[in-house]
Amino acid sequence: DPKSMGPDKDRNITIQGRTYTFSLGIDGIALSPTLNYVYYSSVGSKQLWQIPTWVLRDKDSDFSGNVRLVGSKKSNADGIMFGHRGLYYGALGLNAVFKWDIEMDILSQGVSEGEVTLVTDTPVAQNWESMQWPDGFAFGNPDIENLYFITNRAHLYHAGILDFSGGQGPNFRIFRLPVNDSSYLTSPQHHFPHIGIIG
């Protein structure tokens, strides 16, 4: 579905006072803990899309007819990842990591996962200097309630101005963030609610 896979009016991202244009397509892809939906977004867009996994398993399915816009994130994202409690994404224009509380939105809207709208996405970490271009999300093991991610100043690299001398500080960092959540691949301690019939 071309409209969901490419850049749009939000392709310009301002980071540290400088605007960069990213005409990149899909990069962020995440499977929900229910395993019923894949969520994805383009680097050049704030929109988050959803497609049922049964559609992806059937090569003859109507992809375009089953893709659904879930809503707009607070910022463009590169990496995204689901835990049991929500979707985490790197908010590129805000030098932050945000969490979409899908659990809260399903309950407050009284809908199923296939009908939920993205409303409740809030920052879980932010640092204007050290969290430039958060990406590469993973949950740790054995400390499975910590979210790990990197920052890499990819915007500077794409613009051809990344300082490799170290004079402007580290270009790459690894963060460990306690989020009281765990990967959807671990044994679920809790799942977000299932309301209605899915699929």
N, C-alpha and C. Protein backbone atom coordinates (compact mmCIF):
# COMPACT_ATOMS: atom_id res chain seq x y z
N ASP A 1 0.85 -1.17 0.00
CA ASP A 1 0.00 0.00 0.00
C ASP A 1 0.89 1.24 0.00
N PRO A 2 1.05 1.90 -1.13
CA PRO A 2 2.00 3.01 -1.24
C PRO A 2 1.79 4.14 -0.24
N LYS A 3 0.52 4.47 0.07
CA LYS A 3 0.28 5.61 0.98
C LYS A 3 0.80 5.34 2.39
N SER A 4 0.89 4.06 2.77
CA SER A 4 1.35 3.75 4.13
C SER A 4 2.84 3.45 4.20
N MET A 5 3.51 3.36 3.07
CA MET A 5 4.89 2.89 3.07
C MET A 5 5.93 3.96 2.77
N GLY A 6 5.50 5.14 2.42
CA GLY A 6 6.47 6.15 2.03
C GLY A 6 6.41 7.39 2.90
N PRO A 7 7.22 8.38 2.55
CA PRO A 7 7.22 9.64 3.29
C PRO A 7 5.97 10.45 2.95
N ASP A 8 5.69 11.44 3.79
CA ASP A 8 4.55 12.32 3.56
C ASP A 8 4.93 13.74 3.96
N LYS A 9 3.95 14.55 4.31
CA LYS A 9 4.19 15.96 4.66
C LYS A 9 5.11 16.12 5.86
N ASP A 10 5.29 15.06 6.66
CA ASP A 10 6.14 15.14 7.85
C ASP A 10 7.55 14.62 7.60
N ARG A 11 8.01 14.65 6.36
CA ARG A 11 9.35 14.14 6.04
C ARG A 11 10.47 15.03 6.58
N ASN A 12 10.16 16.27 6.93
CA ASN A 12 11.16 17.17 7.50
C ASN A 12 11.19 17.01 9.01
N ILE A 13 12.37 16.71 9.54
CA ILE A 13 12.54 16.49 10.98
C ILE A 13 13.55 17.51 11.50
N THR A 14 13.17 18.27 12.51
CA THR A 14 14.09 19.24 13.11
C THR A 14 14.71 18.62 14.35
N ILE A 15 16.05 18.56 14.35
CA ILE A 15 16.82 18.00 15.46
C ILE A 15 17.89 19.01 15.83
N GLN A 16 17.92 19.43 17.09
CA GLN A 16 18.90 20.40 17.57
C GLN A 16 18.88 21.69 16.74
N GLY A 17 17.69 22.13 16.33
CA GLY A 17 17.54 23.39 15.62
C GLY A 17 17.82 23.34 14.13
N ARG A 18 18.19 22.19 13.60
CA ARG A 18 18.46 22.06 12.17
C ARG A 18 17.45 21.10 11.56
N THR A 19 16.93 21.44 10.38
CA THR A 19 15.92 20.61 9.73
C THR A 19 16.55 19.72 8.67
N TYR A 20 16.18 18.45 8.74
CA TYR A 20 16.67 17.43 7.81
C TYR A 20 15.47 16.84 7.08
N THR A 21 15.64 16.55 5.80
CA THR A 21 14.57 15.93 5.02
C THR A 21 14.87 14.46 4.84
N PHE A 22 13.91 13.62 5.24
CA PHE A 22 14.06 12.17 5.11
C PHE A 22 12.93 11.62 4.26
N SER A 23 13.26 11.25 3.04
CA SER A 23 12.28 10.67 2.13
C SER A 23 12.36 9.15 2.16
N LEU A 24 12.67 8.61 3.33
CA LEU A 24 12.82 7.17 3.50
C LEU A 24 11.47 6.51 3.75
N GLY A 25 11.37 5.27 3.35
CA GLY A 25 10.15 4.50 3.55
C GLY A 25 10.14 3.79 4.90
N ILE A 26 9.48 2.65 4.93
CA ILE A 26 9.29 1.89 6.17
C ILE A 26 10.63 1.49 6.77
N ASP A 27 10.74 1.70 8.06
CA ASP A 27 11.89 1.23 8.81
C ASP A 27 11.41 0.60 10.11
N GLY A 28 10.52 1.26 10.81
CA GLY A 28 10.00 0.73 12.06
C GLY A 28 8.93 -0.33 11.82
N ILE A 29 9.19 -1.55 12.31
CA ILE A 29 8.23 -2.65 12.18
C ILE A 29 8.17 -3.38 13.51
N ALA A 30 6.96 -3.63 14.03
CA ALA A 30 6.82 -4.30 15.32
C ALA A 30 5.60 -5.23 15.31
N LEU A 31 5.77 -6.39 15.91
CA LEU A 31 4.69 -7.36 16.06
C LEU A 31 4.06 -7.17 17.43
N SER A 32 2.72 -7.12 17.47
CA SER A 32 2.04 -6.91 18.75
C SER A 32 2.14 -8.17 19.60
N PRO A 33 2.01 -8.04 20.92
CA PRO A 33 2.09 -9.21 21.81
C PRO A 33 1.00 -10.25 21.55
N THR A 34 -0.12 -9.82 20.97
CA THR A 34 -1.18 -10.78 20.64
C THR A 34 -0.82 -11.62 19.42
N LEU A 35 0.19 -11.18 18.69
CA LEU A 35 0.64 -11.79 17.43
C LEU A 35 -0.41 -11.66 16.33
N ASN A 36 -1.41 -10.81 16.55
CA ASN A 36 -2.48 -10.63 15.57
C ASN A 36 -2.24 -9.48 14.59
N TYR A 37 -1.32 -8.57 14.92
CA TYR A 37 -1.10 -7.40 14.08
C TYR A 37 0.38 -7.06 13.98
N VAL A 38 0.76 -6.55 12.80
CA VAL A 38 2.07 -5.94 12.60
C VAL A 38 1.82 -4.44 12.46
N TYR A 39 2.63 -3.66 13.17
CA TYR A 39 2.56 -2.20 13.12
C TYR A 39 3.81 -1.71 12.40
N TYR A 40 3.68 -0.65 11.62
CA TYR A 40 4.85 -0.15 10.90
C TYR A 40 4.71 1.35 10.64
N SER A 41 5.86 1.97 10.38
CA SER A 41 5.87 3.39 10.06
C SER A 41 7.08 3.71 9.20
N SER A 42 6.96 4.79 8.47
CA SER A 42 8.04 5.29 7.62
C SER A 42 8.86 6.31 8.41
N VAL A 43 10.16 6.37 8.15
CA VAL A 43 10.99 7.39 8.79
C VAL A 43 10.51 8.78 8.38
N GLY A 44 10.03 8.92 7.15
CA GLY A 44 9.57 10.20 6.64
C GLY A 44 8.11 10.50 6.93
N SER A 45 7.58 9.95 8.04
CA SER A 45 6.18 10.15 8.40
C SER A 45 5.98 9.94 9.90
N LYS A 46 4.97 10.57 10.45
CA LYS A 46 4.60 10.33 11.86
C LYS A 46 3.51 9.27 11.98
N GLN A 47 2.94 8.86 10.87
CA GLN A 47 1.80 7.96 10.90
C GLN A 47 2.21 6.53 11.26
N LEU A 48 1.36 5.88 12.07
CA LEU A 48 1.55 4.49 12.46
C LEU A 48 0.43 3.67 11.82
N TRP A 49 0.82 2.59 11.16
CA TRP A 49 -0.12 1.74 10.42
C TRP A 49 -0.18 0.36 11.04
N GLN A 50 -1.27 -0.33 10.75
CA GLN A 50 -1.51 -1.67 11.30
C GLN A 50 -2.02 -2.58 10.18
N ILE A 51 -1.55 -3.84 10.19
CA ILE A 51 -2.04 -4.84 9.24
C ILE A 51 -2.21 -6.16 9.99
N PRO A 52 -3.31 -6.87 9.81
CA PRO A 52 -3.47 -8.17 10.48
C PRO A 52 -2.43 -9.18 9.98
N THR A 53 -1.91 -9.98 10.88
CA THR A 53 -0.90 -10.96 10.49
C THR A 53 -1.46 -12.03 9.56
N TRP A 54 -2.77 -12.32 9.65
CA TRP A 54 -3.33 -13.33 8.75
C TRP A 54 -3.22 -12.88 7.30
N VAL A 55 -3.27 -11.57 7.07
CA VAL A 55 -3.13 -11.04 5.71
C VAL A 55 -1.71 -11.29 5.20
N LEU A 56 -0.73 -11.11 6.08
CA LEU A 56 0.66 -11.30 5.68
C LEU A 56 1.01 -12.76 5.42
N ARG A 57 0.26 -13.66 6.04
CA ARG A 57 0.51 -15.09 5.85
C ARG A 57 -0.11 -15.64 4.56
N ASP A 58 -0.97 -14.87 3.93
CA ASP A 58 -1.66 -15.33 2.72
C ASP A 58 -1.25 -14.44 1.55
N LYS A 59 -0.43 -14.97 0.66
CA LYS A 59 0.10 -14.16 -0.45
C LYS A 59 -0.99 -13.62 -1.38
N ASP A 60 -2.16 -14.21 -1.34
CA ASP A 60 -3.26 -13.77 -2.20
C ASP A 60 -4.19 -12.76 -1.51
N SER A 61 -3.88 -12.38 -0.28
CA SER A 61 -4.74 -11.45 0.46
C SER A 61 -4.65 -10.04 -0.11
N ASP A 62 -5.67 -9.26 0.18
CA ASP A 62 -5.73 -7.86 -0.23
C ASP A 62 -5.04 -7.00 0.83
N PHE A 63 -3.75 -6.74 0.63
CA PHE A 63 -2.99 -5.95 1.60
C PHE A 63 -3.59 -4.56 1.76
N SER A 64 -3.76 -3.86 0.65
CA SER A 64 -4.26 -2.47 0.70
C SER A 64 -5.62 -2.37 1.36
N GLY A 65 -6.46 -3.37 1.16
CA GLY A 65 -7.80 -3.34 1.74
C GLY A 65 -7.83 -3.65 3.23
N ASN A 66 -6.72 -4.12 3.78
CA ASN A 66 -6.69 -4.49 5.20
C ASN A 66 -5.75 -3.65 6.04
N VAL A 67 -4.97 -2.78 5.41
CA VAL A 67 -4.08 -1.91 6.18
C VAL A 67 -4.92 -0.79 6.79
N ARG A 68 -4.55 -0.37 8.00
CA ARG A 68 -5.35 0.63 8.71
C ARG A 68 -4.44 1.65 9.39
N LEU A 69 -4.77 2.92 9.25
CA LEU A 69 -4.05 3.98 9.96
C LEU A 69 -4.49 3.97 11.41
N VAL A 70 -3.52 3.83 12.32
CA VAL A 70 -3.82 3.79 13.75
C VAL A 70 -3.80 5.20 14.34
N GLY A 71 -2.96 6.06 13.80
CA GLY A 71 -2.86 7.43 14.29
C GLY A 71 -1.49 8.00 14.03
N SER A 72 -1.25 9.20 14.53
CA SER A 72 0.04 9.87 14.36
C SER A 72 0.82 9.87 15.66
N LYS A 73 2.08 9.48 15.56
CA LYS A 73 2.98 9.52 16.71
C LYS A 73 3.38 10.98 16.97
N LYS A 74 3.94 11.24 18.13
CA LYS A 74 4.36 12.61 18.47
C LYS A 74 5.52 13.06 17.59
N SER A 75 6.26 12.11 17.03
CA SER A 75 7.41 12.44 16.20
C SER A 75 7.69 11.29 15.24
N ASN A 76 8.45 11.57 14.21
CA ASN A 76 8.93 10.51 13.32
C ASN A 76 9.76 9.54 14.14
N ALA A 77 9.82 8.28 13.66
CA ALA A 77 10.58 7.26 14.37
C ALA A 77 11.36 6.42 13.37
N ASP A 78 12.45 5.87 13.82
CA ASP A 78 13.21 4.90 13.05
C ASP A 78 12.86 3.53 13.63
N GLY A 79 13.39 3.20 14.80
CA GLY A 79 13.09 1.93 15.43
C GLY A 79 11.82 1.98 16.28
N ILE A 80 11.06 0.87 16.25
CA ILE A 80 9.90 0.70 17.13
C ILE A 80 9.93 -0.73 17.66
N MET A 81 9.34 -0.93 18.85
CA MET A 81 9.32 -2.27 19.43
C MET A 81 8.19 -2.40 20.43
N PHE A 82 7.51 -3.53 20.40
CA PHE A 82 6.46 -3.81 21.37
C PHE A 82 7.03 -4.52 22.59
N GLY A 83 6.54 -4.13 23.76
CA GLY A 83 6.65 -4.91 24.98
C GLY A 83 5.26 -5.47 25.24
N HIS A 84 5.07 -6.07 26.40
CA HIS A 84 3.73 -6.55 26.75
C HIS A 84 2.78 -5.39 27.02
N ARG A 85 3.32 -4.25 27.45
CA ARG A 85 2.47 -3.13 27.88
C ARG A 85 2.35 -2.00 26.89
N GLY A 86 3.07 -2.04 25.80
CA GLY A 86 2.94 -0.94 24.86
C GLY A 86 4.01 -0.95 23.79
N LEU A 87 3.90 0.02 22.90
CA LEU A 87 4.83 0.18 21.79
C LEU A 87 5.82 1.29 22.13
N TYR A 88 7.10 0.99 22.02
CA TYR A 88 8.16 1.97 22.28
C TYR A 88 8.72 2.44 20.94
N TYR A 89 9.00 3.73 20.85
CA TYR A 89 9.60 4.24 19.61
C TYR A 89 10.54 5.40 19.91
N GLY A 90 11.53 5.55 19.04
CA GLY A 90 12.46 6.67 19.15
C GLY A 90 11.84 7.89 18.52
N ALA A 91 11.56 8.91 19.30
CA ALA A 91 10.97 10.15 18.81
C ALA A 91 12.11 11.04 18.30
N LEU A 92 12.39 10.95 17.01
CA LEU A 92 13.59 11.55 16.45
C LEU A 92 13.65 13.06 16.62
N GLY A 93 12.55 13.76 16.39
CA GLY A 93 12.54 15.21 16.51
C GLY A 93 12.50 15.72 17.93
N LEU A 94 12.35 14.82 18.89
CA LEU A 94 12.27 15.20 20.30
C LEU A 94 13.42 14.64 21.14
N ASN A 95 14.36 13.96 20.47
CA ASN A 95 15.50 13.34 21.17
C ASN A 95 15.00 12.58 22.39
N ALA A 96 14.08 11.66 22.14
CA ALA A 96 13.40 10.98 23.24
C ALA A 96 12.96 9.58 22.82
N VAL A 97 12.57 8.81 23.83
CA VAL A 97 11.89 7.54 23.61
C VAL A 97 10.48 7.71 24.15
N PHE A 98 9.51 7.35 23.34
CA PHE A 98 8.10 7.44 23.72
C PHE A 98 7.50 6.05 23.83
N LYS A 99 6.42 5.96 24.58
CA LYS A 99 5.67 4.72 24.70
C LYS A 99 4.21 5.01 24.36
N TRP A 100 3.66 4.21 23.45
CA TRP A 100 2.23 4.26 23.19
C TRP A 100 1.58 3.25 24.12
N ASP A 101 0.74 3.73 25.01
CA ASP A 101 0.04 2.87 25.96
C ASP A 101 -1.21 2.32 25.28
N ILE A 102 -1.02 1.31 24.46
CA ILE A 102 -2.13 0.71 23.71
C ILE A 102 -3.15 0.10 24.66
N GLU A 103 -2.66 -0.42 25.78
CA GLU A 103 -3.54 -1.01 26.79
C GLU A 103 -4.56 0.02 27.28
N MET A 104 -4.07 1.22 27.61
CA MET A 104 -4.95 2.29 28.09
C MET A 104 -5.93 2.72 27.00
N ASP A 105 -5.42 2.83 25.76
CA ASP A 105 -6.29 3.28 24.68
C ASP A 105 -7.38 2.26 24.35
N ILE A 106 -7.05 0.97 24.40
CA ILE A 106 -8.07 -0.06 24.16
C ILE A 106 -9.17 0.02 25.21
N LEU A 107 -8.77 0.16 26.48
CA LEU A 107 -9.76 0.23 27.57
C LEU A 107 -10.58 1.51 27.51
N SER A 108 -9.92 2.66 27.33
CA SER A 108 -10.65 3.93 27.35
C SER A 108 -11.55 4.09 26.13
N GLN A 109 -11.18 3.50 25.00
CA GLN A 109 -12.00 3.60 23.80
C GLN A 109 -13.04 2.48 23.71
N GLY A 110 -12.88 1.43 24.54
CA GLY A 110 -13.81 0.31 24.53
C GLY A 110 -13.85 -0.42 23.19
N VAL A 111 -12.67 -0.60 22.60
CA VAL A 111 -12.58 -1.22 21.28
C VAL A 111 -11.58 -2.37 21.30
N SER A 112 -11.50 -3.09 20.20
CA SER A 112 -10.52 -4.16 20.06
C SER A 112 -9.20 -3.59 19.55
N GLU A 113 -8.18 -4.43 19.55
CA GLU A 113 -6.89 -4.01 19.01
C GLU A 113 -7.01 -3.60 17.54
N GLY A 114 -7.89 -4.24 16.81
CA GLY A 114 -8.08 -3.92 15.40
C GLY A 114 -8.83 -2.63 15.15
N GLU A 115 -9.30 -1.97 16.22
CA GLU A 115 -10.05 -0.72 16.08
C GLU A 115 -9.43 0.43 16.86
N VAL A 116 -8.42 0.15 17.67
CA VAL A 116 -7.85 1.16 18.55
C VAL A 116 -7.19 2.30 17.77
N THR A 117 -7.28 3.50 18.33
CA THR A 117 -6.63 4.68 17.77
C THR A 117 -5.51 5.12 18.71
N LEU A 118 -4.38 5.48 18.15
CA LEU A 118 -3.25 5.95 18.94
C LEU A 118 -3.59 7.32 19.54
N VAL A 119 -3.67 7.38 20.86
CA VAL A 119 -3.95 8.62 21.57
C VAL A 119 -2.90 8.86 22.65
N THR A 120 -2.62 7.84 23.44
CA THR A 120 -1.79 7.99 24.64
C THR A 120 -0.35 7.57 24.37
N ASP A 121 0.44 8.49 23.79
CA ASP A 121 1.88 8.22 23.68
C ASP A 121 2.63 9.31 24.43
N THR A 122 3.45 8.87 25.36
CA THR A 122 4.11 9.78 26.29
C THR A 122 5.61 9.46 26.36
N PRO A 123 6.43 10.46 26.73
CA PRO A 123 7.87 10.21 26.81
C PRO A 123 8.23 9.36 28.02
N VAL A 124 9.16 8.43 27.82
CA VAL A 124 9.70 7.65 28.94
C VAL A 124 11.15 8.04 29.21
N ALA A 125 11.79 8.72 28.27
CA ALA A 125 13.15 9.24 28.46
C ALA A 125 13.41 10.31 27.42
N GLN A 126 14.16 11.34 27.82
CA GLN A 126 14.49 12.41 26.88
C GLN A 126 15.77 13.10 27.32
N ASN A 127 16.65 13.37 26.36
CA ASN A 127 17.85 14.14 26.61
C ASN A 127 18.26 14.78 25.29
N TRP A 128 18.24 16.10 25.25
CA TRP A 128 18.47 16.81 23.98
C TRP A 128 19.87 16.58 23.44
N GLU A 129 20.83 16.31 24.28
CA GLU A 129 22.20 16.12 23.80
C GLU A 129 22.54 14.66 23.54
N SER A 130 22.26 13.79 24.50
CA SER A 130 22.75 12.41 24.39
C SER A 130 21.80 11.45 23.68
N MET A 131 20.55 11.85 23.46
CA MET A 131 19.59 10.92 22.83
C MET A 131 19.23 11.33 21.41
N GLN A 132 20.23 11.75 20.65
CA GLN A 132 19.99 12.10 19.26
C GLN A 132 19.90 10.82 18.41
N TRP A 133 18.77 10.64 17.78
CA TRP A 133 18.42 9.51 16.92
C TRP A 133 18.39 8.18 17.69
N PRO A 134 17.43 8.02 18.62
CA PRO A 134 17.27 6.74 19.33
C PRO A 134 16.75 5.66 18.38
N ASP A 135 17.35 4.48 18.47
CA ASP A 135 17.05 3.41 17.52
C ASP A 135 17.50 2.08 18.12
N GLY A 136 17.27 0.98 17.42
CA GLY A 136 17.78 -0.33 17.81
C GLY A 136 17.31 -0.80 19.17
N PHE A 137 16.01 -0.97 19.34
CA PHE A 137 15.43 -1.33 20.64
C PHE A 137 15.47 -2.82 20.90
N ALA A 138 15.70 -3.19 22.18
CA ALA A 138 15.69 -4.60 22.61
C ALA A 138 15.45 -4.64 24.11
N PHE A 139 14.81 -5.71 24.56
CA PHE A 139 14.69 -5.94 25.99
C PHE A 139 15.83 -6.83 26.44
N GLY A 140 16.35 -6.55 27.65
CA GLY A 140 17.51 -7.28 28.16
C GLY A 140 17.16 -8.60 28.79
N ASN A 141 18.16 -9.43 28.92
CA ASN A 141 18.02 -10.71 29.60
C ASN A 141 19.31 -10.92 30.38
N PRO A 142 19.34 -11.13 31.67
CA PRO A 142 18.22 -11.54 32.50
C PRO A 142 17.38 -10.40 33.06
N ASP A 143 17.82 -9.15 32.91
CA ASP A 143 17.03 -8.03 33.45
C ASP A 143 15.98 -7.63 32.42
N ILE A 144 14.98 -8.48 32.28
CA ILE A 144 14.05 -8.35 31.17
C ILE A 144 13.12 -7.14 31.27
N GLU A 145 13.12 -6.44 32.37
CA GLU A 145 12.24 -5.27 32.48
C GLU A 145 12.94 -3.97 32.10
N ASN A 146 14.14 -4.09 31.54
CA ASN A 146 14.87 -2.92 31.05
C ASN A 146 14.86 -2.90 29.53
N LEU A 147 14.60 -1.74 28.98
CA LEU A 147 14.64 -1.53 27.54
C LEU A 147 16.02 -1.00 27.18
N TYR A 148 16.67 -1.64 26.24
CA TYR A 148 17.97 -1.18 25.74
C TYR A 148 17.76 -0.53 24.39
N PHE A 149 18.53 0.52 24.12
CA PHE A 149 18.49 1.14 22.80
C PHE A 149 19.79 1.89 22.57
N ILE A 150 20.04 2.22 21.33
CA ILE A 150 21.23 2.99 20.99
C ILE A 150 20.81 4.37 20.48
N THR A 151 21.75 5.29 20.51
CA THR A 151 21.60 6.54 19.77
C THR A 151 22.82 6.66 18.88
N ASN A 152 22.65 7.25 17.69
CA ASN A 152 23.75 7.20 16.73
C ASN A 152 23.94 8.44 15.87
N ARG A 153 23.18 9.48 16.11
CA ARG A 153 23.30 10.72 15.33
C ARG A 153 23.23 10.47 13.82
N ALA A 154 22.34 9.58 13.43
CA ALA A 154 22.21 9.23 12.00
C ALA A 154 21.84 10.43 11.14
N HIS A 155 21.15 11.40 11.71
CA HIS A 155 20.79 12.60 10.95
C HIS A 155 22.04 13.34 10.47
N LEU A 156 23.07 13.39 11.33
CA LEU A 156 24.31 14.05 10.94
C LEU A 156 25.05 13.24 9.88
N TYR A 157 25.01 11.93 10.01
CA TYR A 157 25.65 11.07 9.02
C TYR A 157 25.00 11.25 7.65
N HIS A 158 23.67 11.22 7.61
CA HIS A 158 22.97 11.37 6.33
C HIS A 158 23.22 12.74 5.70
N ALA A 159 23.46 13.75 6.54
CA ALA A 159 23.73 15.10 6.04
C ALA A 159 25.20 15.28 5.68
N GLY A 160 26.03 14.27 5.96
CA GLY A 160 27.46 14.35 5.64
C GLY A 160 28.25 15.23 6.60
N ILE A 161 27.74 15.44 7.82
CA ILE A 161 28.43 16.33 8.77
C ILE A 161 28.73 15.66 10.11
N LEU A 162 28.70 14.34 10.15
CA LEU A 162 29.00 13.64 11.40
C LEU A 162 30.48 13.79 11.71
N ASP A 163 30.79 14.24 12.93
CA ASP A 163 32.17 14.45 13.37
C ASP A 163 32.75 13.13 13.87
N PHE A 164 33.66 12.55 13.11
CA PHE A 164 34.28 11.28 13.50
C PHE A 164 35.50 11.48 14.39
N SER A 165 35.88 12.74 14.66
CA SER A 165 37.08 13.00 15.47
C SER A 165 36.82 12.84 16.96
N GLY A 166 35.56 12.86 17.37
CA GLY A 166 35.22 12.80 18.79
C GLY A 166 35.18 14.17 19.43
N GLY A 167 35.45 15.21 18.66
CA GLY A 167 35.47 16.56 19.19
C GLY A 167 34.12 17.06 19.66
N GLN A 168 33.04 16.48 19.15
CA GLN A 168 31.70 16.88 19.56
C GLN A 168 31.06 15.84 20.47
N GLY A 169 31.88 15.00 21.07
CA GLY A 169 31.36 13.98 21.97
C GLY A 169 31.07 12.69 21.24
N PRO A 170 30.61 11.69 21.98
CA PRO A 170 30.35 10.38 21.36
C PRO A 170 29.20 10.44 20.36
N ASN A 171 29.39 9.76 19.25
CA ASN A 171 28.33 9.64 18.26
C ASN A 171 27.39 8.50 18.57
N PHE A 172 27.90 7.50 19.27
CA PHE A 172 27.12 6.29 19.54
C PHE A 172 27.05 6.06 21.04
N ARG A 173 25.87 5.76 21.52
CA ARG A 173 25.66 5.48 22.94
C ARG A 173 24.72 4.30 23.08
N ILE A 174 24.84 3.58 24.18
CA ILE A 174 23.92 2.50 24.52
C ILE A 174 23.25 2.88 25.83
N PHE A 175 21.92 2.79 25.85
CA PHE A 175 21.15 3.14 27.04
C PHE A 175 20.42 1.91 27.58
N ARG A 176 20.28 1.88 28.89
CA ARG A 176 19.43 0.89 29.56
C ARG A 176 18.38 1.68 30.32
N LEU A 177 17.13 1.42 30.01
CA LEU A 177 16.03 2.21 30.56
C LEU A 177 15.06 1.29 31.29
N PRO A 178 14.89 1.46 32.61
CA PRO A 178 13.90 0.64 33.32
C PRO A 178 12.48 1.07 32.94
N VAL A 179 11.70 0.14 32.40
CA VAL A 179 10.35 0.47 31.93
C VAL A 179 9.28 -0.42 32.54
N ASN A 180 9.67 -1.36 33.40
CA ASN A 180 8.69 -2.27 34.02
C ASN A 180 7.84 -2.96 32.95
N ASP A 181 8.51 -3.43 31.93
CA ASP A 181 7.87 -4.12 30.82
C ASP A 181 8.85 -5.17 30.33
N SER A 182 8.41 -6.03 29.44
CA SER A 182 9.31 -7.05 28.89
C SER A 182 8.89 -7.36 27.47
N SER A 183 9.75 -8.02 26.75
CA SER A 183 9.49 -8.36 25.36
C SER A 183 8.25 -9.23 25.23
N TYR A 184 7.54 -9.04 24.15
CA TYR A 184 6.37 -9.88 23.89
C TYR A 184 6.77 -11.33 23.67
N LEU A 185 8.05 -11.61 23.49
CA LEU A 185 8.53 -12.98 23.30
C LEU A 185 8.74 -13.72 24.62
N THR A 186 8.74 -13.00 25.74
CA THR A 186 8.90 -13.64 27.05
C THR A 186 7.54 -14.12 27.55
N SER A 187 7.57 -14.93 28.60
CA SER A 187 6.30 -15.37 29.20
C SER A 187 5.55 -14.14 29.68
N PRO A 188 4.32 -13.99 29.25
CA PRO A 188 3.57 -12.79 29.61
C PRO A 188 3.19 -12.80 31.09
N GLN A 189 3.52 -11.71 31.76
CA GLN A 189 3.04 -11.52 33.13
C GLN A 189 1.66 -10.89 33.07
N HIS A 190 1.41 -10.25 31.97
CA HIS A 190 0.12 -9.61 31.73
C HIS A 190 0.04 -9.30 30.25
N HIS A 191 -1.13 -9.23 29.72
CA HIS A 191 -1.35 -8.83 28.33
C HIS A 191 -2.33 -7.67 28.34
N PHE A 192 -2.29 -6.85 27.29
CA PHE A 192 -3.33 -5.84 27.24
C PHE A 192 -4.64 -6.52 26.89
N PRO A 193 -5.75 -5.90 27.24
CA PRO A 193 -7.05 -6.56 27.15
C PRO A 193 -7.47 -6.82 25.71
N HIS A 194 -8.23 -7.88 25.53
CA HIS A 194 -8.80 -8.21 24.23
C HIS A 194 -10.30 -7.94 24.31
N ILE A 195 -10.74 -6.93 23.61
CA ILE A 195 -12.15 -6.58 23.61
C ILE A 195 -12.68 -6.80 22.20
N GLY A 196 -13.73 -7.55 22.08
CA GLY A 196 -14.32 -7.81 20.77
C GLY A 196 -13.62 -8.94 20.05
N ILE A 197 -14.01 -9.12 18.82
CA ILE A 197 -13.48 -10.21 18.00
C ILE A 197 -12.43 -9.64 17.06
N ILE A 198 -11.28 -10.29 16.99
CA ILE A 198 -10.19 -9.83 16.14
C ILE A 198 -10.11 -10.72 14.91
N GLY A 199 -9.93 -10.10 13.75
CA GLY A 199 -9.69 -10.85 12.53
C GLY A 199 -10.92 -11.13 11.79
